[in-house]
Amino acid sequence: MKIGTDGVLLGAWTTLEHEPESIMDIGAGTGIISLMLAQRSDAPTIDAIEIDADAYEQCVDNFEASPWGDRLYCYHAGLDEFVDEVEDSYDLIVSNPPFYREVVSSGDVSRDMARQSDSLPFSELLKGVSKLLSANGIFSTILPFKEERRFVELAIALELFPNRITRVKGNKKASFKRSLLQFSSIEKKVNTSELIIEEERHVYTEDYIQLTKDFYLKM
């Protein structure tokens, strides 16, 4: 599957200020977010889980081909079985989860599973995060803007509190399309901001360039 803007945004936006020792990427796909976090940090442990067999194999290949292969490991597993088998906790958890609640079909089973929330419901994702996150850990994700309120309500019920939210739109005239969300077990005032991706078609804003320039060969 092609690298999408959502994954690039999450990998670049996720905070590393707390200098995590261990990172978990839930639903890693082909590994782009884990690779970005490996490039940005010195975390000695970066684990990823991916349930789709083809994506898992490509993720492993990408990890092994990278300069950070000794810090990256991908498990071929679903979140539920991983939570049951692992006792470790993580200082940073990231996830670019499937989010289409309606049934969609592209003709590609793997792509459809990666996009439809039935394969990883928000409630299951948040329950898993609440069990795997360390006491001072941070959880970051990206969702459709229309799902933000429902997701935040589900998270708060599990004592995961929003600390930082960036709402994203494609251009100045567009409606908000995505929400970047950061949670922790500490309840505090939410830092909110906006991000516009393009001034016009293929002409990126300075904010987007500054956020993502370390990950593009051409910008």
C-alpha atoms as a PDB file:
ATOM      1  CA  MET A   1       0.000   0.000   0.000  1.00  0.00           C
ATOM      2  CA  LYS A   2       1.166   3.510  -0.777  1.00  0.00           C
ATOM      3  CA  ILE A   3       2.358   5.776   2.013  1.00  0.00           C
ATOM      4  CA  GLY A   4      -0.510   8.072   2.997  1.00  0.00           C
ATOM      5  CA  THR A   5      -0.545  11.587   4.367  1.00  0.00           C
ATOM      6  CA  ASP A   6      -2.151  10.379   7.618  1.00  0.00           C
ATOM      7  CA  GLY A   7       0.825   8.187   8.510  1.00  0.00           C
ATOM      8  CA  VAL A   8       3.326  10.910   7.649  1.00  0.00           C
ATOM      9  CA  LEU A   9       1.418  13.445   9.740  1.00  0.00           C
ATOM     10  CA  LEU A  10       1.242  11.147  12.765  1.00  0.00           C
ATOM     11  CA  GLY A  11       4.883  10.089  12.548  1.00  0.00           C
ATOM     12  CA  ALA A  12       6.054  13.692  12.334  1.00  0.00           C
ATOM     13  CA  TRP A  13       3.573  15.237  14.822  1.00  0.00           C
ATOM     14  CA  THR A  14       3.874  12.711  17.662  1.00  0.00           C
ATOM     15  CA  THR A  15       5.781  14.193  20.577  1.00  0.00           C
ATOM     16  CA  LEU A  16       9.067  12.716  21.763  1.00  0.00           C
ATOM     17  CA  GLU A  17       9.729  15.364  24.410  1.00  0.00           C
ATOM     18  CA  HIS A  18       9.391  12.798  27.193  1.00  0.00           C
ATOM     19  CA  GLU A  19      12.215  10.757  25.582  1.00  0.00           C
ATOM     20  CA  PRO A  20      10.451   7.370  25.490  1.00  0.00           C
ATOM     21  CA  GLU A  21      12.518   4.267  26.069  1.00  0.00           C
ATOM     22  CA  SER A  22       9.901   2.008  24.502  1.00  0.00           C
ATOM     23  CA  ILE A  23       7.494   2.651  21.620  1.00  0.00           C
ATOM     24  CA  MET A  24       4.571   0.594  20.305  1.00  0.00           C
ATOM     25  CA  ASP A  25       2.952   1.028  16.868  1.00  0.00           C
ATOM     26  CA  ILE A  26      -0.494  -0.606  16.728  1.00  0.00           C
ATOM     27  CA  GLY A  27      -1.563  -1.602  13.225  1.00  0.00           C
ATOM     28  CA  ALA A  28       1.791  -0.732  11.708  1.00  0.00           C
ATOM     29  CA  GLY A  29       0.930  -1.491   8.086  1.00  0.00           C
ATOM     30  CA  THR A  30       4.212  -1.416   6.196  1.00  0.00           C
ATOM     31  CA  GLY A  31       5.995   0.310   9.096  1.00  0.00           C
ATOM     32  CA  ILE A  32       6.206   3.961   8.039  1.00  0.00           C
ATOM     33  CA  ILE A  33       5.330   5.468  11.451  1.00  0.00           C
ATOM     34  CA  SER A  34       7.728   3.187  13.336  1.00  0.00           C
ATOM     35  CA  LEU A  35      10.500   4.069  10.889  1.00  0.00           C
ATOM     36  CA  MET A  36       9.829   7.796  11.311  1.00  0.00           C
ATOM     37  CA  LEU A  37       9.953   7.482  15.097  1.00  0.00           C
ATOM     38  CA  ALA A  38      13.180   5.499  14.846  1.00  0.00           C
ATOM     39  CA  GLN A  39      14.647   8.309  12.744  1.00  0.00           C
ATOM     40  CA  ARG A  40      13.474  10.945  15.236  1.00  0.00           C
ATOM     41  CA  SER A  41      14.421   9.220  18.504  1.00  0.00           C
ATOM     42  CA  ASP A  42      16.995   7.091  20.309  1.00  0.00           C
ATOM     43  CA  ALA A  43      14.374   4.740  21.785  1.00  0.00           C
ATOM     44  CA  PRO A  44      16.049   1.333  22.109  1.00  0.00           C
ATOM     45  CA  THR A  45      12.761  -0.580  21.745  1.00  0.00           C
ATOM     46  CA  ILE A  46      10.280   0.072  18.952  1.00  0.00           C
ATOM     47  CA  ASP A  47       7.729  -2.715  18.623  1.00  0.00           C
ATOM     48  CA  ALA A  48       5.008  -2.898  15.988  1.00  0.00           C
ATOM     49  CA  ILE A  49       2.045  -5.207  15.504  1.00  0.00           C
ATOM     50  CA  GLU A  50       0.283  -5.931  12.207  1.00  0.00           C
ATOM     51  CA  ILE A  51      -2.444  -8.518  11.620  1.00  0.00           C
ATOM     52  CA  ASP A  52      -2.419  -8.573   7.801  1.00  0.00           C
ATOM     53  CA  ALA A  53       0.113 -11.144   6.569  1.00  0.00           C
ATOM     54  CA  ASP A  54       1.243  -9.278   3.449  1.00  0.00           C
ATOM     55  CA  ALA A  55       1.626  -5.953   5.255  1.00  0.00           C
ATOM     56  CA  TYR A  56       3.478  -7.709   8.093  1.00  0.00           C
ATOM     57  CA  GLU A  57       5.989  -9.249   5.678  1.00  0.00           C
ATOM     58  CA  GLN A  58       6.603  -5.911   3.988  1.00  0.00           C
ATOM     59  CA  CYS A  59       6.966  -4.214   7.381  1.00  0.00           C
ATOM     60  CA  VAL A  60       9.636  -6.731   8.403  1.00  0.00           C
ATOM     61  CA  ASP A  61      11.467  -6.203   5.116  1.00  0.00           C
ATOM     62  CA  ASN A  62      11.348  -2.427   5.564  1.00  0.00           C
ATOM     63  CA  PHE A  63      12.615  -2.654   9.145  1.00  0.00           C
ATOM     64  CA  GLU A  64      15.501  -4.921   8.156  1.00  0.00           C
ATOM     65  CA  ALA A  65      16.459  -2.647   5.253  1.00  0.00           C
ATOM     66  CA  SER A  66      16.540   0.471   7.440  1.00  0.00           C
ATOM     67  CA  PRO A  67      19.496   1.890   9.421  1.00  0.00           C
ATOM     68  CA  TRP A  68      17.532   1.203  12.642  1.00  0.00           C
ATOM     69  CA  GLY A  69      16.801  -2.501  12.161  1.00  0.00           C
ATOM     70  CA  ASP A  70      18.353  -3.401  15.518  1.00  0.00           C
ATOM     71  CA  ARG A  71      15.711  -1.297  17.343  1.00  0.00           C
ATOM     72  CA  LEU A  72      12.651  -2.277  15.295  1.00  0.00           C
ATOM     73  CA  TYR A  73      10.587  -5.452  15.642  1.00  0.00           C
ATOM     74  CA  CYS A  74       7.233  -6.359  14.102  1.00  0.00           C
ATOM     75  CA  TYR A  75       4.850  -8.974  15.523  1.00  0.00           C
ATOM     76  CA  HIS A  76       2.326 -10.724  13.282  1.00  0.00           C
ATOM     77  CA  ALA A  77      -0.588 -10.422  15.704  1.00  0.00           C
ATOM     78  CA  GLY A  78      -3.847  -8.708  16.494  1.00  0.00           C
ATOM     79  CA  LEU A  79      -4.050  -6.283  19.406  1.00  0.00           C
ATOM     80  CA  ASP A  80      -6.208  -8.583  21.532  1.00  0.00           C
ATOM     81  CA  GLU A  81      -3.779 -11.516  21.415  1.00  0.00           C
ATOM     82  CA  PHE A  82      -0.775  -9.215  21.878  1.00  0.00           C
ATOM     83  CA  VAL A  83      -2.274  -7.671  25.023  1.00  0.00           C
ATOM     84  CA  ASP A  84      -2.994 -11.134  26.445  1.00  0.00           C
ATOM     85  CA  GLU A  85       0.558 -12.389  25.859  1.00  0.00           C
ATOM     86  CA  VAL A  86       2.742  -9.365  26.670  1.00  0.00           C
ATOM     87  CA  GLU A  87       3.426  -7.955  30.131  1.00  0.00           C
ATOM     88  CA  ASP A  88       5.559  -5.025  28.986  1.00  0.00           C
ATOM     89  CA  SER A  89       4.376  -1.414  29.032  1.00  0.00           C
ATOM     90  CA  TYR A  90       5.303   1.320  26.586  1.00  0.00           C
ATOM     91  CA  ASP A  91       6.233   4.978  27.093  1.00  0.00           C
ATOM     92  CA  LEU A  92       4.752   5.924  23.724  1.00  0.00           C
ATOM     93  CA  ILE A  93       1.993   4.213  21.766  1.00  0.00           C
ATOM     94  CA  VAL A  94       0.979   5.344  18.288  1.00  0.00           C
ATOM     95  CA  SER A  95      -1.761   4.114  15.997  1.00  0.00           C
ATOM     96  CA  ASN A  96      -3.117   5.104  12.604  1.00  0.00           C
ATOM     97  CA  PRO A  97      -6.247   2.993  13.044  1.00  0.00           C
ATOM     98  CA  PRO A  98      -8.871   1.890  10.533  1.00  0.00           C
ATOM     99  CA  PHE A  99     -11.780   4.292  10.761  1.00  0.00           C
ATOM    100  CA  TYR A 100     -14.465   3.635   8.140  1.00  0.00           C
ATOM    101  CA  ARG A 101     -17.536   2.435  10.024  1.00  0.00           C
ATOM    102  CA  GLU A 102     -19.488   1.947   6.803  1.00  0.00           C
ATOM    103  CA  VAL A 103     -18.636  -1.012   4.585  1.00  0.00           C
ATOM    104  CA  VAL A 104     -16.366   0.007   1.725  1.00  0.00           C
ATOM    105  CA  SER A 105     -14.889  -2.122  -1.043  1.00  0.00           C
ATOM    106  CA  SER A 106     -11.948  -1.220  -3.231  1.00  0.00           C
ATOM    107  CA  GLY A 107     -11.522  -4.734  -4.605  1.00  0.00           C
ATOM    108  CA  ASP A 108      -8.412  -5.138  -2.421  1.00  0.00           C
ATOM    109  CA  VAL A 109      -9.140  -7.161   0.731  1.00  0.00           C
ATOM    110  CA  SER A 110      -5.997  -6.028   2.578  1.00  0.00           C
ATOM    111  CA  ARG A 111      -6.652  -2.352   1.851  1.00  0.00           C
ATOM    112  CA  ASP A 112     -10.301  -2.656   2.890  1.00  0.00           C
ATOM    113  CA  MET A 113      -9.343  -4.317   6.195  1.00  0.00           C
ATOM    114  CA  ALA A 114      -6.809  -1.574   6.890  1.00  0.00           C
ATOM    115  CA  ARG A 115      -9.477   1.092   6.355  1.00  0.00           C
ATOM    116  CA  GLN A 116     -12.555  -0.403   8.050  1.00  0.00           C
ATOM    117  CA  SER A 117     -12.959   0.000  11.797  1.00  0.00           C
ATOM    118  CA  ASP A 118     -14.575  -3.426  12.159  1.00  0.00           C
ATOM    119  CA  SER A 119     -11.044  -4.868  12.047  1.00  0.00           C
ATOM    120  CA  LEU A 120     -10.033  -2.764  15.081  1.00  0.00           C
ATOM    121  CA  PRO A 121     -12.951  -0.976  16.806  1.00  0.00           C
ATOM    122  CA  PHE A 122     -12.082   2.218  18.672  1.00  0.00           C
ATOM    123  CA  SER A 123     -13.190   0.662  21.968  1.00  0.00           C
ATOM    124  CA  GLU A 124     -10.842  -2.303  21.493  1.00  0.00           C
ATOM    125  CA  LEU A 125      -7.975  -0.018  20.516  1.00  0.00           C
ATOM    126  CA  LEU A 126      -8.411   2.168  23.593  1.00  0.00           C
ATOM    127  CA  LYS A 127      -8.753  -0.780  25.975  1.00  0.00           C
ATOM    128  CA  GLY A 128      -5.523  -2.195  24.598  1.00  0.00           C
ATOM    129  CA  VAL A 129      -3.760   1.144  24.930  1.00  0.00           C
ATOM    130  CA  SER A 130      -4.939   1.557  28.525  1.00  0.00           C
ATOM    131  CA  LYS A 131      -3.355  -1.798  29.412  1.00  0.00           C
ATOM    132  CA  LEU A 132      -0.085  -1.295  27.499  1.00  0.00           C
ATOM    133  CA  LEU A 133       0.669   2.364  28.303  1.00  0.00           C
ATOM    134  CA  SER A 134       3.165   3.108  31.081  1.00  0.00           C
ATOM    135  CA  ALA A 135       2.156   5.387  33.969  1.00  0.00           C
ATOM    136  CA  ASN A 136       3.734   8.460  32.375  1.00  0.00           C
ATOM    137  CA  GLY A 137       3.225   7.311  28.807  1.00  0.00           C
ATOM    138  CA  ILE A 138       1.655   9.096  25.844  1.00  0.00           C
ATOM    139  CA  PHE A 139      -0.732   7.774  23.206  1.00  0.00           C
ATOM    140  CA  SER A 140      -1.005   9.488  19.805  1.00  0.00           C
ATOM    141  CA  THR A 141      -3.408   8.792  16.961  1.00  0.00           C
ATOM    142  CA  ILE A 142      -5.005  10.338  13.874  1.00  0.00           C
ATOM    143  CA  LEU A 143      -8.716  10.121  13.057  1.00  0.00           C
ATOM    144  CA  PRO A 144     -11.352  11.679  10.845  1.00  0.00           C
ATOM    145  CA  PHE A 145     -12.392  14.990  12.394  1.00  0.00           C
ATOM    146  CA  LYS A 146     -16.008  13.769  12.592  1.00  0.00           C
ATOM    147  CA  GLU A 147     -14.897  10.928  14.914  1.00  0.00           C
ATOM    148  CA  GLU A 148     -12.942  13.148  17.318  1.00  0.00           C
ATOM    149  CA  ARG A 149     -15.635  13.756  19.931  1.00  0.00           C
ATOM    150  CA  ARG A 150     -16.752  10.119  20.146  1.00  0.00           C
ATOM    151  CA  PHE A 151     -13.164   8.878  20.410  1.00  0.00           C
ATOM    152  CA  VAL A 152     -12.305  11.387  23.150  1.00  0.00           C
ATOM    153  CA  GLU A 153     -15.377  10.353  25.137  1.00  0.00           C
ATOM    154  CA  LEU A 154     -14.395   6.679  24.888  1.00  0.00           C
ATOM    155  CA  ALA A 155     -10.831   7.512  25.945  1.00  0.00           C
ATOM    156  CA  ILE A 156     -11.868   9.576  28.974  1.00  0.00           C
ATOM    157  CA  ALA A 157     -14.036   6.686  30.167  1.00  0.00           C
ATOM    158  CA  LEU A 158     -10.815   4.659  30.347  1.00  0.00           C
ATOM    159  CA  GLU A 159      -8.952   7.526  32.083  1.00  0.00           C
ATOM    160  CA  LEU A 160      -6.997   8.483  28.981  1.00  0.00           C
ATOM    161  CA  PHE A 161      -7.225  12.264  28.804  1.00  0.00           C
ATOM    162  CA  PRO A 162      -6.653  14.467  25.744  1.00  0.00           C
ATOM    163  CA  ASN A 163      -3.636  16.750  26.220  1.00  0.00           C
ATOM    164  CA  ARG A 164      -3.040  17.973  22.663  1.00  0.00           C
ATOM    165  CA  ILE A 165      -5.203  18.191  19.544  1.00  0.00           C
ATOM    166  CA  THR A 166      -4.292  19.454  16.066  1.00  0.00           C
ATOM    167  CA  ARG A 167      -7.120  19.675  13.539  1.00  0.00           C
ATOM    168  CA  VAL A 168      -6.061  19.335   9.914  1.00  0.00           C
ATOM    169  CA  LYS A 169      -7.566  20.677   6.695  1.00  0.00           C
ATOM    170  CA  GLY A 170      -6.357  20.308   3.120  1.00  0.00           C
ATOM    171  CA  ASN A 171      -6.505  24.022   2.326  1.00  0.00           C
ATOM    172  CA  LYS A 172      -7.814  27.259   3.847  1.00  0.00           C
ATOM    173  CA  LYS A 173     -11.268  26.917   2.297  1.00  0.00           C
ATOM    174  CA  ALA A 174     -11.748  23.241   3.146  1.00  0.00           C
ATOM    175  CA  SER A 175     -13.455  21.797   6.198  1.00  0.00           C
ATOM    176  CA  PHE A 176     -11.426  19.988   8.827  1.00  0.00           C
ATOM    177  CA  LYS A 177     -10.641  16.487   7.608  1.00  0.00           C
ATOM    178  CA  ARG A 178      -8.443  14.915  10.320  1.00  0.00           C
ATOM    179  CA  SER A 179      -7.703  15.269  14.028  1.00  0.00           C
ATOM    180  CA  LEU A 180      -4.298  14.466  15.511  1.00  0.00           C
ATOM    181  CA  LEU A 181      -4.860  13.482  19.145  1.00  0.00           C
ATOM    182  CA  GLN A 182      -2.505  12.986  22.075  1.00  0.00           C
ATOM    183  CA  PHE A 183      -3.599  11.342  25.337  1.00  0.00           C
ATOM    184  CA  SER A 184      -2.091  10.545  28.718  1.00  0.00           C
ATOM    185  CA  SER A 185      -3.278   9.485  32.172  1.00  0.00           C
ATOM    186  CA  ILE A 186      -2.823  13.078  33.355  1.00  0.00           C
ATOM    187  CA  GLU A 187      -5.819  15.390  33.041  1.00  0.00           C
ATOM    188  CA  LYS A 188      -4.813  18.919  32.069  1.00  0.00           C
ATOM    189  CA  LYS A 189      -5.749  21.778  29.763  1.00  0.00           C
ATOM    190  CA  VAL A 190      -5.842  20.661  26.141  1.00  0.00           C
ATOM    191  CA  ASN A 191      -3.376  22.378  23.782  1.00  0.00           C
ATOM    192  CA  THR A 192      -5.299  22.851  20.514  1.00  0.00           C
ATOM    193  CA  SER A 193      -4.055  24.030  17.134  1.00  0.00           C
ATOM    194  CA  GLU A 194      -4.794  23.870  13.406  1.00  0.00           C
ATOM    195  CA  LEU A 195      -2.725  22.706  10.452  1.00  0.00           C
ATOM    196  CA  ILE A 196      -3.367  23.532   6.786  1.00  0.00           C
ATOM    197  CA  ILE A 197      -1.551  21.271   4.316  1.00  0.00           C
ATOM    198  CA  GLU A 198      -1.653  23.171   1.000  1.00  0.00           C
ATOM    199  CA  GLU A 199      -1.785  26.789  -0.156  1.00  0.00           C
ATOM    200  CA  GLU A 200      -2.957  25.414  -3.502  1.00  0.00           C
ATOM    201  CA  ARG A 201      -2.631  22.100  -5.305  1.00  0.00           C
ATOM    202  CA  HIS A 202       0.898  20.700  -4.695  1.00  0.00           C
ATOM    203  CA  VAL A 203       2.021  23.975  -3.059  1.00  0.00           C
ATOM    204  CA  TYR A 204       2.512  23.168   0.613  1.00  0.00           C
ATOM    205  CA  THR A 205       2.165  25.573   3.537  1.00  0.00           C
ATOM    206  CA  GLU A 206       5.233  26.503   5.546  1.00  0.00           C
ATOM    207  CA  ASP A 207       3.750  24.786   8.618  1.00  0.00           C
ATOM    208  CA  TYR A 208       3.384  21.493   6.747  1.00  0.00           C
ATOM    209  CA  ILE A 209       6.859  21.782   5.236  1.00  0.00           C
ATOM    210  CA  GLN A 210       8.470  22.415   8.627  1.00  0.00           C
ATOM    211  CA  LEU A 211       6.596  19.479  10.164  1.00  0.00           C
ATOM    212  CA  THR A 212       7.409  16.904   7.478  1.00  0.00           C
ATOM    213  CA  LYS A 213      10.505  18.048   5.564  1.00  0.00           C
ATOM    214  CA  ASP A 214      12.828  15.536   7.255  1.00  0.00           C
ATOM    215  CA  PHE A 215      10.880  12.676   5.660  1.00  0.00           C
ATOM    216  CA  TYR A 216      10.599  13.724   2.004  1.00  0.00           C
ATOM    217  CA  LEU A 217      13.311  13.605  -0.631  1.00  0.00           C
ATOM    218  CA  LYS A 218      11.561  16.464  -2.417  1.00  0.00           C
ATOM    219  CA  MET A 219       9.339  19.039  -0.736  1.00  0.00           C
END
